[in-house]
Protein backbone atom coordinates (compact mmCIF):
# COMPACT_ATOMS: atom_id res chain seq x y z
CA UNK A 1 105.05 116.26 105.24
CA UNK A 2 101.68 115.87 103.95
CA UNK A 3 101.70 114.04 100.55
CA UNK A 4 98.65 113.56 98.59
CA UNK A 5 97.18 112.58 95.21
CA UNK A 6 94.97 114.21 93.01
CA UNK A 7 93.38 114.11 89.68
CA UNK A 8 90.67 111.46 87.63
CA UNK A 9 90.62 107.69 89.19
CA UNK A 10 93.62 106.04 87.86
CA UNK A 11 95.76 108.90 86.61
CA UNK A 12 96.04 110.61 90.00
CA UNK A 13 99.40 113.01 90.04
CA UNK A 14 101.67 113.35 93.65
CA UNK A 15 101.37 116.41 95.41
CA UNK A 16 102.34 118.00 98.88
CA UNK A 17 101.10 120.65 101.10
CA UNK A 18 102.73 123.68 101.94
CA UNK A 19 102.71 125.55 105.24
CA UNK A 20 99.58 127.29 104.15
CA UNK A 21 97.72 124.21 103.24
CA UNK A 22 98.03 124.71 99.55
CA UNK A 23 98.63 122.01 97.24
CA UNK A 24 102.05 121.95 95.34
CA UNK A 25 102.38 119.71 92.36
CA UNK A 26 105.29 117.06 92.66
CA UNK A 27 105.09 116.32 88.71
CA UNK A 28 108.84 115.82 87.52
CA UNK A 29 109.92 115.16 91.05
CA UNK A 30 108.49 111.58 91.35
CA UNK A 31 105.78 109.67 89.49
CA UNK A 32 103.58 108.93 92.30
CA UNK A 33 103.01 108.73 96.09
CA UNK A 34 103.79 104.89 95.81
CA UNK A 35 105.71 102.20 97.47
CA UNK A 36 108.97 103.57 95.87
CA UNK A 37 108.41 107.13 97.09
CA UNK A 38 108.02 105.87 100.74
CA UNK A 39 111.47 104.74 101.28
CA UNK A 40 113.06 106.79 103.83
CA UNK A 41 115.96 108.24 101.10
CA UNK A 42 113.04 109.41 98.86
CA UNK A 43 111.15 111.01 101.95
CA UNK A 44 114.27 112.79 102.93
CA UNK A 45 114.72 114.06 99.19
CA UNK A 46 111.09 115.34 99.24
CA UNK A 47 111.58 116.91 102.88
CA UNK A 48 114.45 118.84 101.52
CA UNK A 49 112.24 120.84 98.87
CA UNK A 50 111.08 124.17 99.11
CA UNK A 51 107.33 123.80 98.43
CA UNK A 52 106.92 127.21 97.71
CA UNK A 53 109.04 126.59 94.41
CA UNK A 54 106.61 123.95 93.11
CA UNK A 55 103.60 124.92 91.02
CA UNK A 56 100.08 125.31 92.62
CA UNK A 57 97.56 122.81 92.02
CA UNK A 58 94.09 124.13 90.63
CA UNK A 59 91.48 124.33 93.35
CA UNK A 60 88.60 121.78 93.17
CA UNK A 61 90.29 119.02 91.77
CA UNK A 62 89.35 115.62 92.73
CA UNK A 63 91.69 113.72 95.60
CA UNK A 64 92.55 110.15 95.33
CA UNK A 65 93.59 107.78 97.73
CA UNK A 66 96.74 109.35 99.51
CA UNK A 67 98.99 106.21 98.39
CA UNK A 68 98.92 104.49 95.22
CA UNK A 69 100.11 101.03 94.41
CA UNK A 70 98.77 99.59 97.67
CA UNK A 71 99.78 95.96 97.63
CA UNK A 72 97.76 94.96 100.56
CA UNK A 73 95.31 96.41 103.00
CA UNK A 74 95.39 94.54 106.45
CA UNK A 75 92.93 95.33 109.05
CA UNK A 76 92.91 94.86 112.95
CA UNK A 77 89.22 94.14 114.40
CA UNK A 78 87.94 94.96 117.78
CA UNK A 79 90.92 96.72 118.81
CA UNK A 80 88.86 99.18 121.07
CA UNK A 81 87.46 97.53 124.22
CA UNK A 82 84.39 99.91 124.27
CA UNK A 83 83.77 98.92 120.75
CA UNK A 84 84.19 95.37 121.22
CA UNK A 85 81.65 95.98 124.32
CA UNK A 86 79.01 97.61 121.83
CA UNK A 87 79.17 94.81 119.42
CA UNK A 88 78.78 92.26 122.28
CA UNK A 89 82.03 90.47 121.65
CA UNK A 90 84.88 89.44 123.90
CA UNK A 91 87.89 91.69 124.21
CA UNK A 92 90.51 89.68 122.11
CA UNK A 93 94.03 88.41 123.56
CA UNK A 94 95.79 88.79 120.19
CA UNK A 95 94.94 91.42 117.34
CA UNK A 96 92.10 90.02 114.98
CA UNK A 97 93.47 90.26 111.61
CA UNK A 98 91.47 90.42 108.25
CA UNK A 99 91.78 92.07 104.96
CA UNK A 100 90.12 94.19 102.50
CA UNK A 101 90.54 93.75 98.70
CA UNK A 102 92.88 96.95 97.29
CA UNK A 103 90.07 97.57 94.73
CA UNK A 104 87.93 98.87 97.53
CA UNK A 105 90.61 101.99 97.84
CA UNK A 106 88.85 105.38 96.93
CA UNK A 107 89.75 108.88 97.60
CA UNK A 108 88.30 110.62 100.60
CA UNK A 109 85.83 112.40 99.01
CA UNK A 110 84.49 109.78 96.64
CA UNK A 111 80.92 108.54 96.84
CA UNK A 112 80.27 105.18 98.92
CA UNK A 113 78.28 102.86 96.63
CA UNK A 114 75.76 100.52 98.24
CA UNK A 115 75.83 97.08 96.66
CA UNK A 116 72.45 95.47 95.29
CA UNK A 117 70.98 94.07 98.49
CA UNK A 118 73.21 95.92 100.92
CA UNK A 119 70.99 96.85 103.95
CA UNK A 120 73.52 97.02 106.73
CA UNK A 121 76.31 98.88 105.36
CA UNK A 122 78.25 100.68 108.34
CA UNK A 123 80.95 103.25 109.32
CA UNK A 124 84.13 102.84 110.92
CA UNK A 125 86.60 105.96 111.24
CA UNK A 126 90.16 104.59 111.97
CA UNK A 127 93.77 105.25 111.83
CA UNK A 128 95.87 103.69 108.98
CA UNK A 129 99.39 103.08 109.21
CA UNK A 130 101.64 102.76 105.78
CA UNK A 131 104.31 100.98 105.77
CA UNK A 132 107.83 102.55 104.20
CA UNK A 133 110.13 99.91 104.48
CA UNK A 134 110.25 96.11 104.23
CA UNK A 135 109.36 94.62 107.24
CA UNK A 136 109.57 91.19 108.63
CA UNK A 137 109.97 89.85 112.17
CA UNK A 138 110.77 93.12 114.00
CA UNK A 139 110.37 94.05 117.58
CA UNK A 140 108.00 96.36 118.91
CA UNK A 141 110.58 98.57 120.19
CA UNK A 142 111.74 99.02 116.47
CA UNK A 143 108.29 98.72 114.69
CA UNK A 144 107.76 102.41 113.98
CA UNK A 145 111.14 102.61 112.31
CA UNK A 146 109.39 100.90 109.22
CA UNK A 147 106.49 103.21 108.98
CA UNK A 148 106.38 106.00 106.26
CA UNK A 149 103.41 107.76 107.68
CA UNK A 150 99.61 107.46 108.90
CA UNK A 151 96.35 108.71 107.25
CA UNK A 152 92.86 108.74 107.93
CA UNK A 153 90.65 105.62 106.69
CA UNK A 154 86.87 104.97 106.66
CA UNK A 155 86.54 100.90 107.20
CA UNK A 156 83.10 100.88 105.34
CA UNK A 157 81.42 97.35 105.82
CA UNK A 158 78.18 95.82 104.73
CA UNK A 159 77.56 93.85 108.10
CA UNK A 160 75.25 91.14 106.54
CA UNK A 161 77.74 90.23 103.96
CA UNK A 162 80.29 90.03 106.93
CA UNK A 163 78.76 88.39 109.58
CA UNK A 164 75.73 86.69 108.22
CA UNK A 165 77.08 84.91 105.53
CA UNK A 166 79.40 81.68 105.52
CA UNK A 167 83.11 82.42 104.86
CA UNK A 168 85.42 85.26 105.87
CA UNK A 169 84.77 88.92 106.65
CA UNK A 170 86.64 90.13 103.33
CA UNK A 171 83.35 89.80 101.56
CA UNK A 172 81.58 92.52 103.53
CA UNK A 173 84.75 94.78 103.84
CA UNK A 174 85.93 94.73 100.25
CA UNK A 175 83.14 96.23 98.00
CA UNK A 176 84.19 99.28 95.75
CA UNK A 177 84.47 102.25 97.46
CA UNK A 178 84.61 100.94 100.96
CA UNK A 179 88.26 101.90 101.85
CA UNK A 180 88.56 105.91 101.59
CA UNK A 181 92.16 106.57 102.42
CA UNK A 182 93.23 110.27 102.94
CA UNK A 183 93.09 113.07 102.36
CA UNK A 184 96.90 113.20 102.71
CA UNK A 185 99.63 110.86 104.01
CA UNK A 186 101.34 112.32 107.19
CA UNK A 187 105.07 111.18 107.36
CA UNK A 188 106.06 109.40 110.55
CA UNK A 189 108.03 112.52 111.98
CA UNK A 190 105.09 114.79 112.26
CA UNK A 191 103.07 112.23 114.40
CA UNK A 192 105.50 111.87 117.60
CA UNK A 193 103.05 109.57 119.18
CA UNK A 194 100.26 107.60 117.09
CA UNK A 195 98.76 106.66 120.56
CA UNK A 196 97.66 110.52 121.27
CA UNK A 197 95.13 110.93 118.05
CA UNK A 198 91.83 111.75 118.18
CA UNK A 199 89.25 110.57 115.70
CA UNK A 200 85.55 111.32 115.17
CA UNK A 201 82.85 110.65 112.53
CA UNK A 202 79.24 112.19 111.77
CA UNK A 203 76.38 110.97 109.62
CA UNK A 204 73.89 113.67 108.43
CA UNK A 205 75.75 116.07 110.62
CA UNK A 206 75.19 113.82 113.62
CA UNK A 207 77.93 112.86 115.64
CA UNK A 208 78.45 109.01 115.90
CA UNK A 209 81.86 108.32 116.78
CA UNK A 210 84.27 110.32 118.99
CA UNK A 211 87.44 108.38 120.23
CA UNK A 212 91.15 108.41 120.58
CA UNK A 213 93.87 106.12 119.86
CA UNK A 214 94.70 106.01 123.58
CA UNK A 215 92.26 103.41 124.18
CA UNK A 216 93.39 101.04 121.61
CA UNK A 217 93.85 97.30 122.98
CA UNK A 218 97.03 96.99 120.61
CA UNK A 219 98.96 100.24 120.02
CA UNK A 220 100.61 100.54 116.36
CA UNK A 221 104.01 99.49 117.46
CA UNK A 222 102.53 96.03 118.90
CA UNK A 223 100.29 95.46 115.71
CA UNK A 224 103.33 96.09 113.18
CA UNK A 225 105.55 93.88 115.20
CA UNK A 226 102.92 91.33 115.25
CA UNK A 227 101.74 91.26 111.94
CA UNK A 228 105.50 90.93 110.99
CA UNK A 229 105.48 87.54 112.46
CA UNK A 230 103.19 86.07 110.07
CA UNK A 231 103.73 88.22 106.93
CA UNK A 232 106.51 89.89 105.26
CA UNK A 233 105.27 93.56 105.10
CA UNK A 234 106.20 95.52 101.92
CA UNK A 235 106.24 99.48 101.41
CA UNK A 236 102.77 100.61 100.44
CA UNK A 237 101.09 98.14 102.61
CA UNK A 238 98.27 99.84 104.52
CA UNK A 239 97.23 98.72 108.11
CA UNK A 240 93.84 99.69 109.59
CA UNK A 241 94.32 99.58 113.21
CA UNK A 242 90.54 99.26 114.22
CA UNK A 243 87.57 101.87 115.22
CA UNK A 244 86.35 103.27 118.30
CA UNK A 245 82.72 103.02 119.54
CA UNK A 246 79.67 104.24 117.93
CA UNK A 247 79.47 102.10 114.63
CA UNK A 248 76.05 101.71 113.22
CA UNK A 249 75.53 98.08 114.45
CA UNK A 250 76.19 99.26 118.15
CA UNK A 251 72.95 101.39 118.49
CA UNK A 252 70.09 100.44 119.67
CA UNK A 253 68.33 100.08 117.33
CA UNK A 254 70.85 99.42 114.79
CA UNK A 255 71.29 102.44 112.18
CA UNK A 256 72.92 101.78 108.98
CA UNK A 257 73.78 103.91 105.80
CA UNK A 258 71.04 104.71 103.18
CA UNK A 259 71.58 106.54 99.81
CA UNK A 260 71.52 110.24 99.98
CA UNK A 261 73.42 110.19 103.33
CA UNK A 262 76.50 111.92 104.00
CA UNK A 263 79.51 111.07 106.14
CA UNK A 264 82.26 113.26 107.56
CA UNK A 265 85.20 112.20 109.54
CA UNK A 266 88.46 113.32 110.60
CA UNK A 267 91.14 113.05 112.82
CA UNK A 268 94.20 114.96 114.75
CA UNK A 269 96.35 116.30 111.83
CA UNK A 270 95.12 113.64 109.68
CA UNK A 271 92.52 116.19 107.66
CA UNK A 272 88.77 115.15 107.06
CA UNK A 273 86.85 113.14 104.66
CA UNK A 274 83.33 113.77 103.21
CA UNK A 275 81.19 111.20 101.57
CA UNK A 276 77.89 111.19 100.00
CA UNK A 277 76.25 107.45 99.77
CA UNK A 278 74.99 106.26 96.48
CA UNK A 279 72.55 103.47 95.60
CA UNK A 280 74.13 101.10 92.91
CA UNK A 281 72.84 101.54 89.49
CA UNK A 282 73.60 98.85 86.78
CA UNK A 283 75.14 101.24 84.56
CA UNK A 284 78.07 101.81 87.21
CA UNK A 285 79.53 98.59 86.74
CA UNK A 286 79.57 99.18 82.55
CA UNK A 287 81.14 102.67 83.29
CA UNK A 288 83.50 101.40 85.92
CA UNK A 289 84.76 98.37 82.92
CA UNK A 290 85.30 101.54 80.73
CA UNK A 291 87.36 103.28 83.75
CA UNK A 292 84.83 105.81 84.66
CA UNK A 293 83.76 106.06 88.16
CA UNK A 294 80.70 107.04 89.98
CA UNK A 295 80.79 110.93 91.19
CA UNK A 296 78.81 112.31 94.15
């Protein structure tokens, strides 16, 4: 299945895609694509539905993050050897773990907002894993059993805040709009091998990243098992598994996002995202506090 959420930010409704790629509303079937909906029994119930019996969602609606109620966004850094090389960093012997604040979550086509003083905002296409069952101290050979599904993820990063300021990476990773997820969640049964997915990203119609999960240093099963040693993973937790080469800071000279740029990214069976880059305006914060959000 391909599950998604649509509607104004903070008021998203659940839906699924039918075999023709049309959105079918799940209102009345379940309240949201949230941690409770990711349980194996709930996913089995959804899979038994006849999509054509569900009402169509109108065209042109906004898509939200494909999972709601996310408790944690956990990220793996330098998980492609060629990306580590372009960053001039040593290939890690263990997964590098950091987090993003969940308020960074955005819809796949929501704008990326450049924060005040941000001059080195970068792109990172990634495969994200969504946990479906409580996962604590599991072995790699059983780790995928705890996964609900997979989605496309853009780990937007302000490199100056991440690497040139004291403290942890989370400052450069968590700005509003820095975690577009979706367009949909692909359930685990439709991804027989998460290590066989192509990923790509373009900026202003120019290809910047082309990669494959085949070249991950640590595969999905190993990552889930590793994390479960240090934290009790919960349904709805989202794990971003790292990015292939071609990020802005790896170019010579480095290239970063500017207001007016467009970003497009995709992956095998994961759909596409399209983002417009906006400069921060002071009234955005006031609008955000009223529950309103910038639109591209």
